[in-house]
C-alpha atoms as a PDB file:
ATOM      1  CA  PRO A   1      -0.091   0.325  -0.171  1.00  0.00           C
ATOM      2  CA  THR A   2       0.915   3.650  -0.745  1.00  0.00           C
ATOM      3  CA  ARG A   3      -0.094   4.883   2.965  1.00  0.00           C
ATOM      4  CA  PRO A   4       1.966   7.624   4.183  1.00  0.00           C
ATOM      5  CA  SER A   5       3.815   5.582   7.062  1.00  0.00           C
ATOM      6  CA  CYS A   6       4.343   2.206   4.674  1.00  0.00           C
ATOM      7  CA  PRO A   7       7.988   1.719   4.329  1.00  0.00           C
ATOM      8  CA  PHE A   8       9.246   2.174   1.117  1.00  0.00           C
ATOM      9  CA  VAL A   9      11.030  -0.885   1.041  1.00  0.00           C
ATOM     10  CA  GLU A  10       7.905  -2.789   1.690  1.00  0.00           C
ATOM     11  CA  MET A  11       6.608  -0.787  -1.701  1.00  0.00           C
ATOM     12  CA  GLU A  12       9.780  -2.274  -3.460  1.00  0.00           C
ATOM     13  CA  ARG A  13       9.399  -5.635  -2.169  1.00  0.00           C
ATOM     14  CA  LEU A  14       5.914  -5.976  -3.380  1.00  0.00           C
ATOM     15  CA  ASP A  15       6.706  -4.587  -6.387  1.00  0.00           C
ATOM     16  CA  ASP A  16       9.867  -6.599  -7.164  1.00  0.00           C
ATOM     17  CA  ILE A  17       7.316 -10.087  -6.445  1.00  0.00           C
ATOM     18  CA  ASN A  18       4.182  -9.427  -7.955  1.00  0.00           C
ATOM     19  CA  PHE A  19       5.468  -6.954 -11.074  1.00  0.00           C
ATOM     20  CA  THR A  20       8.795  -7.655 -11.738  1.00  0.00           C
ATOM     21  CA  GLY A  21       8.677 -11.612 -10.501  1.00  0.00           C
ATOM     22  CA  VAL A  22       6.499 -12.030 -13.666  1.00  0.00           C
ATOM     23  CA  PHE A  23       9.192  -9.792 -16.315  1.00  0.00           C
ATOM     24  CA  ARG A  24      11.520 -11.885 -15.224  1.00  0.00           C
ATOM     25  CA  THR A  25       9.760 -15.124 -15.193  1.00  0.00           C
ATOM     26  CA  VAL A  26       8.206 -14.896 -18.576  1.00  0.00           C
ATOM     27  CA  ARG A  27      12.266 -13.517 -19.953  1.00  0.00           C
ATOM     28  CA  ALA A  28      13.584 -16.815 -18.575  1.00  0.00           C
ATOM     29  CA  VAL A  29      10.854 -19.606 -19.939  1.00  0.00           C
ATOM     30  CA  LEU A  30      10.055 -17.760 -23.509  1.00  0.00           C
ATOM     31  CA  PRO A  31      12.890 -19.154 -25.789  1.00  0.00           C
ATOM     32  CA  ALA A  32      11.843 -22.574 -24.306  1.00  0.00           C
ATOM     33  CA  VAL A  33       7.718 -21.400 -24.845  1.00  0.00           C
ATOM     34  CA  VAL A  34       8.488 -19.738 -28.246  1.00  0.00           C
ATOM     35  CA  GLU A  35      10.066 -23.290 -29.414  1.00  0.00           C
ATOM     36  CA  ARG A  36       7.152 -25.441 -28.917  1.00  0.00           C
ATOM     37  CA  ARG A  37       4.792 -22.903 -29.497  1.00  0.00           C
ATOM     38  CA  GLY A  38       3.346 -22.949 -25.928  1.00  0.00           C
ATOM     39  CA  TYR A  39       0.842 -20.872 -23.450  1.00  0.00           C
ATOM     40  CA  VAL A  40       1.898 -18.878 -20.631  1.00  0.00           C
ATOM     41  CA  LEU A  41      -0.650 -18.039 -17.759  1.00  0.00           C
ATOM     42  CA  ILE A  42       0.586 -15.012 -15.482  1.00  0.00           C
ATOM     43  CA  THR A  43      -1.390 -14.603 -12.160  1.00  0.00           C
ATOM     44  CA  ALA A  44      -3.028 -11.098 -11.614  1.00  0.00           C
ATOM     45  CA  SER A  45      -5.545 -10.750  -9.278  1.00  0.00           C
ATOM     46  CA  LEU A  46      -9.032  -9.712  -8.681  1.00  0.00           C
ATOM     47  CA  ALA A  47      -7.365  -6.481  -7.387  1.00  0.00           C
ATOM     48  CA  ALA A  48      -6.613  -5.535 -10.807  1.00  0.00           C
ATOM     49  CA  ILE A  49     -10.189  -5.110 -11.394  1.00  0.00           C
ATOM     50  CA  LEU A  50     -11.272  -3.861  -7.913  1.00  0.00           C
ATOM     51  CA  HIS A  51      -8.889  -0.764  -6.569  1.00  0.00           C
ATOM     52  CA  ALA A  52      -9.820  -0.688  -2.892  1.00  0.00           C
ATOM     53  CA  PRO A  53      -8.495   0.552  -0.204  1.00  0.00           C
ATOM     54  CA  PRO A  54      -5.957  -0.318   1.672  1.00  0.00           C
ATOM     55  CA  LEU A  55      -4.143  -1.913  -0.914  1.00  0.00           C
ATOM     56  CA  SER A  56      -3.657   0.705  -3.618  1.00  0.00           C
ATOM     57  CA  HIS A  57       0.073  -0.537  -4.090  1.00  0.00           C
ATOM     58  CA  TYR A  58      -1.261  -4.031  -4.681  1.00  0.00           C
ATOM     59  CA  THR A  59      -3.962  -3.039  -6.921  1.00  0.00           C
ATOM     60  CA  ALA A  60      -1.444  -1.469  -9.098  1.00  0.00           C
ATOM     61  CA  SER A  61       1.082  -3.924  -9.441  1.00  0.00           C
ATOM     62  CA  LYS A  62      -1.099  -6.635 -10.491  1.00  0.00           C
ATOM     63  CA  ALA A  63      -3.370  -3.891 -12.905  1.00  0.00           C
ATOM     64  CA  GLY A  64       0.231  -3.786 -14.362  1.00  0.00           C
ATOM     65  CA  VAL A  65       0.482  -7.750 -14.586  1.00  0.00           C
ATOM     66  CA  GLU A  66      -2.884  -7.804 -16.676  1.00  0.00           C
ATOM     67  CA  ALA A  67      -1.834  -5.279 -18.903  1.00  0.00           C
ATOM     68  CA  PHE A  68       1.394  -6.891 -19.392  1.00  0.00           C
ATOM     69  CA  GLY A  69      -0.062  -9.949 -20.290  1.00  0.00           C
ATOM     70  CA  ASN A  70      -2.697  -8.258 -22.036  1.00  0.00           C
ATOM     71  CA  ALA A  71       0.222  -6.802 -24.650  1.00  0.00           C
ATOM     72  CA  ILE A  72       2.022  -9.832 -24.791  1.00  0.00           C
ATOM     73  CA  ARG A  73      -0.474 -11.578 -26.323  1.00  0.00           C
ATOM     74  CA  ILE A  74      -0.682  -9.979 -29.421  1.00  0.00           C
ATOM     75  CA  GLU A  75       3.210  -9.813 -29.963  1.00  0.00           C
ATOM     76  CA  LEU A  76       3.692 -13.467 -29.350  1.00  0.00           C
ATOM     77  CA  ARG A  77       0.591 -14.365 -31.495  1.00  0.00           C
ATOM     78  CA  HIS A  78       2.589 -14.914 -34.673  1.00  0.00           C
ATOM     79  CA  LYS A  79       4.861 -17.292 -32.811  1.00  0.00           C
ATOM     80  CA  GLY A  80       2.239 -19.522 -31.954  1.00  0.00           C
ATOM     81  CA  VAL A  81       2.029 -18.478 -28.010  1.00  0.00           C
ATOM     82  CA  ASP A  82      -0.805 -18.056 -26.216  1.00  0.00           C
ATOM     83  CA  VAL A  83      -0.748 -15.757 -23.408  1.00  0.00           C
ATOM     84  CA  GLY A  84      -3.440 -16.276 -20.240  1.00  0.00           C
ATOM     85  CA  VAL A  85      -4.050 -13.841 -17.502  1.00  0.00           C
ATOM     86  CA  ALA A  86      -5.457 -15.231 -14.362  1.00  0.00           C
ATOM     87  CA  TYR A  87      -7.723 -13.689 -11.633  1.00  0.00           C
ATOM     88  CA  PHE A  88      -8.386 -15.052  -8.314  1.00  0.00           C
ATOM     89  CA  ALA A  89     -10.214 -13.319  -5.265  1.00  0.00           C
ATOM     90  CA  VAL A  90      -9.004 -14.432  -1.593  1.00  0.00           C
ATOM     91  CA  ILE A  91      -7.629 -17.831  -2.018  1.00  0.00           C
ATOM     92  CA  ASP A  92      -7.184 -19.885   1.498  1.00  0.00           C
ATOM     93  CA  THR A  93      -3.375 -19.923   1.593  1.00  0.00           C
ATOM     94  CA  PRO A  94      -1.098 -19.811   4.603  1.00  0.00           C
ATOM     95  CA  MET A  95       0.035 -16.153   3.133  1.00  0.00           C
ATOM     96  CA  VAL A  96      -3.900 -14.678   3.257  1.00  0.00           C
ATOM     97  CA  GLY A  97      -3.900 -16.751   6.779  1.00  0.00           C
ATOM     98  CA  ARG A  98      -0.999 -14.943   8.257  1.00  0.00           C
ATOM     99  CA  ALA A  99      -2.653 -11.620   6.756  1.00  0.00           C
ATOM    100  CA  TYR A 100      -5.602 -12.039   8.701  1.00  0.00           C
ATOM    101  CA  GLU A 101      -3.896 -12.670  11.811  1.00  0.00           C
ATOM    102  CA  ASP A 102      -2.909  -9.105  11.721  1.00  0.00           C
ATOM    103  CA  PRO A 103      -5.615  -7.500  14.710  1.00  0.00           C
ATOM    104  CA  VAL A 104      -6.065  -4.386  12.508  1.00  0.00           C
ATOM    105  CA  ILE A 105      -6.995  -6.319   9.372  1.00  0.00           C
ATOM    106  CA  LEU A 106      -9.105  -8.802  11.245  1.00  0.00           C
ATOM    107  CA  GLN A 107     -11.177  -6.391  13.195  1.00  0.00           C
ATOM    108  CA  PHE A 108     -12.184  -4.674  10.095  1.00  0.00           C
ATOM    109  CA  ARG A 109     -12.757  -7.618   8.004  1.00  0.00           C
ATOM    110  CA  ASP A 110     -15.260  -8.545  11.067  1.00  0.00           C
ATOM    111  CA  GLU A 111     -16.725  -5.580  10.713  1.00  0.00           C
ATOM    112  CA  ALA A 112     -17.565  -5.283   7.141  1.00  0.00           C
ATOM    113  CA  GLU A 113     -18.939  -8.828   7.378  1.00  0.00           C
ATOM    114  CA  ARG A 114     -21.215  -7.367   9.904  1.00  0.00           C
ATOM    115  CA  GLN A 115     -22.401  -4.748   7.949  1.00  0.00           C
ATOM    116  CA  GLY A 116     -23.639  -8.113   5.218  1.00  0.00           C
ATOM    117  CA  GLY A 117     -24.600  -7.847   1.732  1.00  0.00           C
ATOM    118  CA  ARG A 118     -23.863 -10.378  -0.985  1.00  0.00           C
ATOM    119  CA  ALA A 119     -21.185  -8.080  -2.251  1.00  0.00           C
ATOM    120  CA  ARG A 120     -19.216  -7.573   0.549  1.00  0.00           C
ATOM    121  CA  LYS A 121     -19.833 -11.253   1.405  1.00  0.00           C
ATOM    122  CA  PHE A 122     -18.318 -11.824  -1.893  1.00  0.00           C
ATOM    123  CA  LEU A 123     -14.856  -9.786  -1.619  1.00  0.00           C
ATOM    124  CA  SER A 124     -14.579 -10.771   1.954  1.00  0.00           C
ATOM    125  CA  LYS A 125     -14.689 -14.822   1.640  1.00  0.00           C
ATOM    126  CA  THR A 126     -12.059 -17.167   1.356  1.00  0.00           C
ATOM    127  CA  TYR A 127     -12.037 -19.526  -1.579  1.00  0.00           C
ATOM    128  CA  PRO A 128     -10.073 -23.157  -1.631  1.00  0.00           C
ATOM    129  CA  VAL A 129      -6.959 -23.897  -3.136  1.00  0.00           C
ATOM    130  CA  SER A 130      -8.579 -26.372  -5.068  1.00  0.00           C
ATOM    131  CA  GLY A 131     -11.064 -23.947  -7.038  1.00  0.00           C
ATOM    132  CA  ALA A 132      -8.165 -22.058  -8.012  1.00  0.00           C
ATOM    133  CA  GLY A 133      -5.716 -25.282  -9.247  1.00  0.00           C
ATOM    134  CA  ALA A 134      -8.476 -26.738 -11.285  1.00  0.00           C
ATOM    135  CA  ALA A 135      -9.010 -23.465 -12.892  1.00  0.00           C
ATOM    136  CA  VAL A 136      -5.778 -22.909 -13.562  1.00  0.00           C
ATOM    137  CA  VAL A 137      -5.704 -26.643 -15.323  1.00  0.00           C
ATOM    138  CA  ASN A 138      -8.619 -26.236 -16.922  1.00  0.00           C
ATOM    139  CA  GLY A 139      -7.239 -22.746 -18.295  1.00  0.00           C
ATOM    140  CA  MET A 140      -3.546 -24.433 -19.360  1.00  0.00           C
ATOM    141  CA  GLU A 141      -5.904 -27.025 -21.256  1.00  0.00           C
ATOM    142  CA  THR A 142      -7.813 -24.784 -23.004  1.00  0.00           C
ATOM    143  CA  ARG A 143      -5.079 -22.369 -23.676  1.00  0.00           C
ATOM    144  CA  ALA A 144      -7.487 -19.846 -22.168  1.00  0.00           C
ATOM    145  CA  ARG A 145      -6.964 -15.759 -22.295  1.00  0.00           C
ATOM    146  CA  ARG A 146      -8.833 -15.430 -19.233  1.00  0.00           C
ATOM    147  CA  VAL A 147      -8.598 -17.957 -15.896  1.00  0.00           C
ATOM    148  CA  MET A 148     -10.917 -16.613 -13.111  1.00  0.00           C
ATOM    149  CA  TYR A 149     -11.838 -18.080  -9.922  1.00  0.00           C
ATOM    150  CA  PRO A 150     -14.359 -17.754  -8.371  1.00  0.00           C
ATOM    151  CA  ARG A 151     -16.639 -17.304 -11.182  1.00  0.00           C
ATOM    152  CA  GLY A 152     -18.386 -14.111 -10.424  1.00  0.00           C
ATOM    153  CA  ILE A 153     -15.264 -12.771 -10.982  1.00  0.00           C
ATOM    154  CA  LYS A 154     -16.521 -12.616 -14.394  1.00  0.00           C
ATOM    155  CA  ALA A 155     -19.390 -10.264 -14.001  1.00  0.00           C
ATOM    156  CA  LEU A 156     -17.181  -8.384 -12.101  1.00  0.00           C
ATOM    157  CA  HIS A 157     -14.492  -8.012 -15.469  1.00  0.00           C
ATOM    158  CA  ALA A 158     -17.840  -7.439 -17.578  1.00  0.00           C
ATOM    159  CA  ILE A 159     -18.540  -4.046 -16.099  1.00  0.00           C
ATOM    160  CA  ARG A 160     -14.990  -3.353 -14.827  1.00  0.00           C
ATOM    161  CA  SER A 161     -15.365   0.253 -16.277  1.00  0.00           C
ATOM    162  CA  LEU A 162     -17.872   1.307 -13.757  1.00  0.00           C
ATOM    163  CA  MET A 163     -15.689  -0.258 -10.700  1.00  0.00           C
ATOM    164  CA  PRO A 164     -13.999   2.556  -9.486  1.00  0.00           C
ATOM    165  CA  ARG A 165     -17.461   4.279  -9.103  1.00  0.00           C
ATOM    166  CA  ILE A 166     -19.006   1.266  -7.216  1.00  0.00           C
ATOM    167  CA  ILE A 167     -15.956   0.847  -5.491  1.00  0.00           C
ATOM    168  CA  GLU A 168     -16.178   4.020  -3.913  1.00  0.00           C
ATOM    169  CA  ARG A 169     -19.855   4.250  -3.239  1.00  0.00           C
ATOM    170  CA  GLY A 170     -19.520   0.630  -1.503  1.00  0.00           C
ATOM    171  CA  VAL A 171     -16.923   1.284   0.536  1.00  0.00           C
ATOM    172  CA  ASP A 172     -17.923   2.549   3.902  1.00  0.00           C
ATOM    173  CA  ALA A 173     -15.842   5.621   4.081  1.00  0.00           C
ATOM    174  CA  ASP A 174     -15.749   6.024   7.788  1.00  0.00           C
ATOM    175  CA  MET A 175     -14.463   2.674   8.359  1.00  0.00           C
ATOM    176  CA  SER A 176     -11.747   2.600   5.271  1.00  0.00           C
ATOM    177  CA  ALA A 177     -10.319   5.701   6.847  1.00  0.00           C
ATOM    178  CA  ARG A 178     -10.050   4.017  10.089  1.00  0.00           C
ATOM    179  CA  LEU A 179      -8.707   1.419   8.916  1.00  0.00           C
ATOM    180  CA  VAL A 180      -6.294   3.480   7.055  1.00  0.00           C
ATOM    181  CA  ASP A 181      -5.574   5.151  10.301  1.00  0.00           C
ATOM    182  CA  ALA A 182      -5.114   2.022  12.406  1.00  0.00           C
ATOM    183  CA  LEU A 183      -2.705   0.907   9.614  1.00  0.00           C
ATOM    184  CA  ASP A 184      -0.594   4.229   9.445  1.00  0.00           C
ATOM    185  CA  GLU A 185      -0.442   4.128  13.738  1.00  0.00           C
ATOM    186  CA  ARG A 186       0.621   0.515  13.654  1.00  0.00           C
ATOM    187  CA  ASP A 187       3.275   1.352  11.136  1.00  0.00           C
ATOM    188  CA  VAL A 188       4.821   4.537  12.893  1.00  0.00           C
ATOM    189  CA  ARG A 189       4.856   2.835  16.190  1.00  0.00           C
ATOM    190  CA  GLY A 190       6.881  -0.392  15.025  1.00  0.00           C
ATOM    191  CA  ALA A 191       4.120  -2.615  16.109  1.00  0.00           C
ATOM    192  CA  SER A 192       4.150  -6.251  14.859  1.00  0.00           C
ATOM    193  CA  ASP A 193       3.043  -7.156  11.311  1.00  0.00           C
ATOM    194  CA  PRO A 194       2.708 -10.937  11.000  1.00  0.00           C
ATOM    195  CA  SER A 195       3.031 -10.597   7.705  1.00  0.00           C
ATOM    196  CA  ARG A 196       6.110  -8.361   7.219  1.00  0.00           C
ATOM    197  CA  GLU A 197       7.903 -10.719   9.654  1.00  0.00           C
ATOM    198  CA  PHE A 198       7.058 -13.767   8.174  1.00  0.00           C
ATOM    199  CA  HIS A 199       8.900 -11.946   4.520  1.00  0.00           C
ATOM    200  CA  GLU A 200      11.684 -10.937   6.391  1.00  0.00           C
ATOM    201  CA  ARG A 201      12.312 -14.358   8.067  1.00  0.00           C
ATOM    202  CA  LEU A 202      12.234 -15.901   4.480  1.00  0.00           C
ATOM    203  CA  LEU A 203      14.435 -13.356   3.118  1.00  0.00           C
ATOM    204  CA  SER A 204      17.257 -12.988   5.743  1.00  0.00           C
END
């Protein structure tokens, strides 16, 4: 995220994984893929379509992945290569579990769920890894342009030009402000962040 107190090194790390990492991977495998007239599937996210707080930098990196995939699909088609972009909602992985251990995130997630509404439940729900895996396998077998899980993402993709306004109206302004301020206060104090601690251990 790009909140004022978010350490810049965290933003760079996220961008290096989500965005630059895709470039590096595609560049490394492309000669073999071209030789076999193969298929590349890169992972964006539902966040490439829904640009919601407090994930400003994350959504930007995922939108960049989507744009990259759409562009190289055209650049590589004369070589017999197909390119797909995958969009997933919140998948129930250990990484997501660590993020939801953050007391600030947990508090506001619970509050959003209590406010109800089908849209909020769809966005806050976690979905099984098996479903995402099945979507990936099917996408690779069919060389799909888009891989989406759960299926409800297709409707959001179809009306994506309307999504910024829908998000602005749908996100509770007071709750969003309190969430961002709470995260900023936590970062200024240097309080524990389970996700950051895990990545620091991983990269040390």
